[in-house]
């Protein structure tokens, strides 16, 4: 079950209509319309995993929805990033399945950039730099754009804040 500060609790089948409302309000404005999915997690006694769906139009704001899962604690960085990326891809594929199912989303779908945001960065001090090529390749092979830090706001900002 996804949550939204604006719309309350929603299942994934309800989210496309909310995104379409936002798209319709902004379709005649400049900028690229984007739907992004990102996941971040934090370890406690378990691992709190937060997946975010965000719809965004540069210069015109956005809306987002999030889902919180509690899973067995993951301490290995590679396994954690692979699990986060897998969750993001699963949610995006489910969302795209919903969008492709009904013709009312066709125009929006044709004019939307879809991307997966990964909570990994290129910093030499970080533990994730060497994992990025594999994660980006996986995402692109699934047909989506991939963004890493500092451009992966759905994972590294929105999901990160909710996961803490």
Protein backbone atom coordinates (compact mmCIF):
# COMPACT_ATOMS: atom_id res chain seq x y z
CA UNK A 1 0.00 0.00 0.00
CA UNK A 2 1.39 3.37 -1.00
CA UNK A 3 0.92 6.55 0.97
CA UNK A 4 0.72 10.18 -0.05
CA UNK A 5 0.66 13.30 2.10
CA UNK A 6 -1.96 14.67 -0.32
CA UNK A 7 -4.07 11.62 -1.25
CA UNK A 8 -3.70 9.29 1.74
CA UNK A 9 -3.39 5.52 1.25
CA UNK A 10 -3.53 4.19 -2.31
CA UNK A 11 -2.81 0.94 -4.07
CA UNK A 12 -0.68 1.05 -7.20
CA UNK A 13 -3.76 0.80 -9.42
CA UNK A 14 -4.99 4.17 -8.09
CA UNK A 15 -1.75 6.07 -8.60
CA UNK A 16 -1.95 6.53 -12.41
CA UNK A 17 -5.13 8.62 -12.08
CA UNK A 18 -3.43 10.94 -9.58
CA UNK A 19 -0.40 11.26 -11.87
CA UNK A 20 -2.70 11.94 -14.84
CA UNK A 21 -4.42 14.77 -12.90
CA UNK A 22 -1.01 16.34 -12.23
CA UNK A 23 0.04 15.83 -15.85
CA UNK A 24 -3.16 17.44 -17.18
CA UNK A 25 -2.60 20.51 -14.97
CA UNK A 26 0.91 20.95 -16.39
CA UNK A 27 0.83 19.51 -19.92
CA UNK A 28 0.86 22.90 -21.63
CA UNK A 29 3.89 24.18 -19.73
CA UNK A 30 7.54 24.01 -20.76
CA UNK A 31 9.73 21.23 -19.46
CA UNK A 32 9.93 17.46 -19.48
CA UNK A 33 7.34 15.49 -17.54
CA UNK A 34 8.97 12.70 -15.57
CA UNK A 35 7.86 9.70 -13.58
CA UNK A 36 10.64 8.34 -11.41
CA UNK A 37 10.92 5.50 -8.95
CA UNK A 38 13.61 5.24 -6.31
CA UNK A 39 14.25 3.14 -3.22
CA UNK A 40 16.40 3.71 -0.16
CA UNK A 41 16.76 1.74 3.03
CA UNK A 42 18.08 2.09 6.54
CA UNK A 43 19.11 -0.63 8.94
CA UNK A 44 17.53 -0.91 12.36
CA UNK A 45 16.80 -4.32 13.94
CA UNK A 46 15.53 -5.05 10.43
CA UNK A 47 15.88 -3.12 7.17
CA UNK A 48 13.32 -0.40 6.55
CA UNK A 49 12.94 -0.11 2.78
CA UNK A 50 11.12 2.87 1.28
CA UNK A 51 10.13 2.99 -2.40
CA UNK A 52 9.00 6.28 -3.90
CA UNK A 53 7.02 7.01 -7.07
CA UNK A 54 7.38 10.68 -8.03
CA UNK A 55 5.81 12.61 -10.90
CA UNK A 56 7.65 15.82 -11.65
CA UNK A 57 7.51 18.69 -14.12
CA UNK A 58 10.53 20.96 -13.96
CA UNK A 59 9.52 24.41 -12.80
CA UNK A 60 6.06 23.23 -11.79
CA UNK A 61 6.67 20.90 -8.86
CA UNK A 62 5.61 17.36 -8.37
CA UNK A 63 3.76 14.76 -6.36
CA UNK A 64 5.00 11.57 -4.76
CA UNK A 65 3.81 8.34 -3.23
CA UNK A 66 5.77 6.00 -0.98
CA UNK A 67 5.62 2.46 0.30
CA UNK A 68 7.41 1.22 3.41
CA UNK A 69 8.49 -2.41 3.77
CA UNK A 70 10.26 -4.04 6.67
CA UNK A 71 12.49 -6.92 5.62
CA UNK A 72 15.24 -9.03 7.19
CA UNK A 73 18.30 -6.92 7.93
CA UNK A 74 20.67 -6.53 4.97
CA UNK A 75 24.22 -5.55 5.92
CA UNK A 76 26.02 -6.22 2.64
CA UNK A 77 26.12 -3.02 0.54
CA UNK A 78 25.97 -4.83 -2.80
CA UNK A 79 23.00 -6.96 -1.72
CA UNK A 80 21.27 -3.87 -0.31
CA UNK A 81 21.66 -1.86 -3.54
CA UNK A 82 20.58 -4.82 -5.64
CA UNK A 83 17.47 -5.25 -3.46
CA UNK A 84 16.68 -1.52 -3.65
CA UNK A 85 17.11 -1.51 -7.44
CA UNK A 86 15.03 -4.66 -7.81
CA UNK A 87 12.21 -3.06 -5.78
CA UNK A 88 12.35 0.11 -7.89
CA UNK A 89 12.23 -1.86 -11.13
CA UNK A 90 9.34 -4.01 -9.89
CA UNK A 91 7.30 -0.95 -8.90
CA UNK A 92 8.09 0.85 -12.17
CA UNK A 93 7.12 -2.18 -14.24
CA UNK A 94 3.85 -2.53 -12.31
CA UNK A 95 3.13 1.17 -12.78
CA UNK A 96 3.92 1.05 -16.51
CA UNK A 97 1.67 -2.01 -16.77
CA UNK A 98 -1.17 0.06 -15.30
CA UNK A 99 -0.40 3.01 -17.62
CA UNK A 100 -0.27 0.82 -20.71
CA UNK A 101 -3.54 -0.92 -19.84
CA UNK A 102 -5.85 2.05 -20.40
CA UNK A 103 -5.99 4.41 -23.37
CA UNK A 104 -6.66 7.46 -21.16
CA UNK A 105 -2.96 7.40 -20.20
CA UNK A 106 -1.65 7.11 -23.78
CA UNK A 107 -0.85 10.80 -24.39
CA UNK A 108 0.80 11.16 -20.98
CA UNK A 109 2.80 7.95 -21.47
CA UNK A 110 4.08 9.19 -24.88
CA UNK A 111 5.29 12.47 -23.32
CA UNK A 112 6.87 11.14 -20.14
CA UNK A 113 10.47 10.29 -19.29
CA UNK A 114 10.61 7.20 -17.07
CA UNK A 115 13.62 6.74 -14.84
CA UNK A 116 14.89 4.75 -11.91
CA UNK A 117 16.83 6.61 -9.24
CA UNK A 118 19.62 4.70 -7.49
CA UNK A 119 21.01 5.64 -4.09
CA UNK A 120 24.61 5.19 -5.23
CA UNK A 121 27.25 7.80 -5.95
CA UNK A 122 30.57 8.32 -7.64
CA UNK A 123 32.42 9.53 -4.52
CA UNK A 124 35.78 7.89 -3.94
CA UNK A 125 34.92 7.85 -0.24
CA UNK A 126 31.72 5.86 -0.77
CA UNK A 127 31.23 2.11 -1.01
CA UNK A 128 28.93 2.17 -4.04
CA UNK A 129 30.99 3.63 -6.91
CA UNK A 130 32.07 0.26 -8.32
CA UNK A 131 28.47 -1.03 -8.30
CA UNK A 132 27.05 1.76 -10.47
CA UNK A 133 27.90 0.38 -13.95
CA UNK A 134 26.13 -2.91 -13.25
CA UNK A 135 23.06 -1.25 -11.71
CA UNK A 136 22.78 1.30 -14.54
CA UNK A 137 23.17 -1.45 -17.15
CA UNK A 138 20.44 -3.50 -15.49
CA UNK A 139 18.05 -0.53 -15.42
CA UNK A 140 18.75 0.44 -19.03
CA UNK A 141 18.30 -3.18 -20.13
CA UNK A 142 14.79 -2.96 -18.65
CA UNK A 143 14.09 0.09 -20.82
CA UNK A 144 14.39 2.93 -18.31
CA UNK A 145 16.71 5.86 -17.74
CA UNK A 146 18.98 5.55 -14.70
CA UNK A 147 20.08 8.35 -12.38
CA UNK A 148 22.65 8.17 -9.60
CA UNK A 149 23.70 10.67 -6.95
CA UNK A 150 23.54 13.64 -7.03
CA UNK A 151 20.65 13.40 -9.55
CA UNK A 152 18.73 10.54 -7.92
CA UNK A 153 16.42 12.65 -5.76
CA UNK A 154 13.63 10.04 -5.47
CA UNK A 155 16.04 7.63 -3.74
CA UNK A 156 18.68 9.87 -2.18
CA UNK A 157 16.36 12.63 -0.93
CA UNK A 158 12.69 11.63 -0.69
CA UNK A 159 13.07 7.92 0.18
CA UNK A 160 16.11 8.66 2.34
CA UNK A 161 14.18 11.14 4.48
CA UNK A 162 11.22 8.77 4.95
CA UNK A 163 13.45 5.80 5.72
CA UNK A 164 15.09 7.45 8.75
